[in-house]
């Protein structure tokens, strides 16, 4: 790692592919441009839970989930930011509950950026459970970005 990467302000952003997380990624990149920072784009994932006491099939490899998560993260970054990167972006997928993964990644960061809600939960919720938990427990300032509003017919 270069000296610049270790001394540049680090901005952590949670990305799950939802519209609010895409808005958070845009905001994180904009902030990194303003501050000369780098962006750690984090995609947290968990193994599918067992049903009725049955575990996931044994041939399912942890590396397969890790690879799929990383591909999704790379695809979202390309969609939102495009190929011309004005800041350094470090994509990382990590197994674990999203709030725990993001709080761990935010240790030593200048800023944590999140979407107001992800794919789970209720669409009407003002703030998702992961965002709410991170706002309350983050070791750094947190910015919560709202995705596009959807008007009801």
Foldseek 3Di string as FASTA:
>chain_A
DDPLQVPFFEEEAEDDPDQLSLQLVVVSLVVCLVRVHEYEYEYEDEDDDDDPPDDPDPVDDPVVVQVVSQVVSVVSCCVRPNPDRPHHYHYGYYYDDLLVVQQVVQVVHQEYEYEQADDDDDPPDRRYPSRVSCCVDHPHYYHYGYGDDDDDD
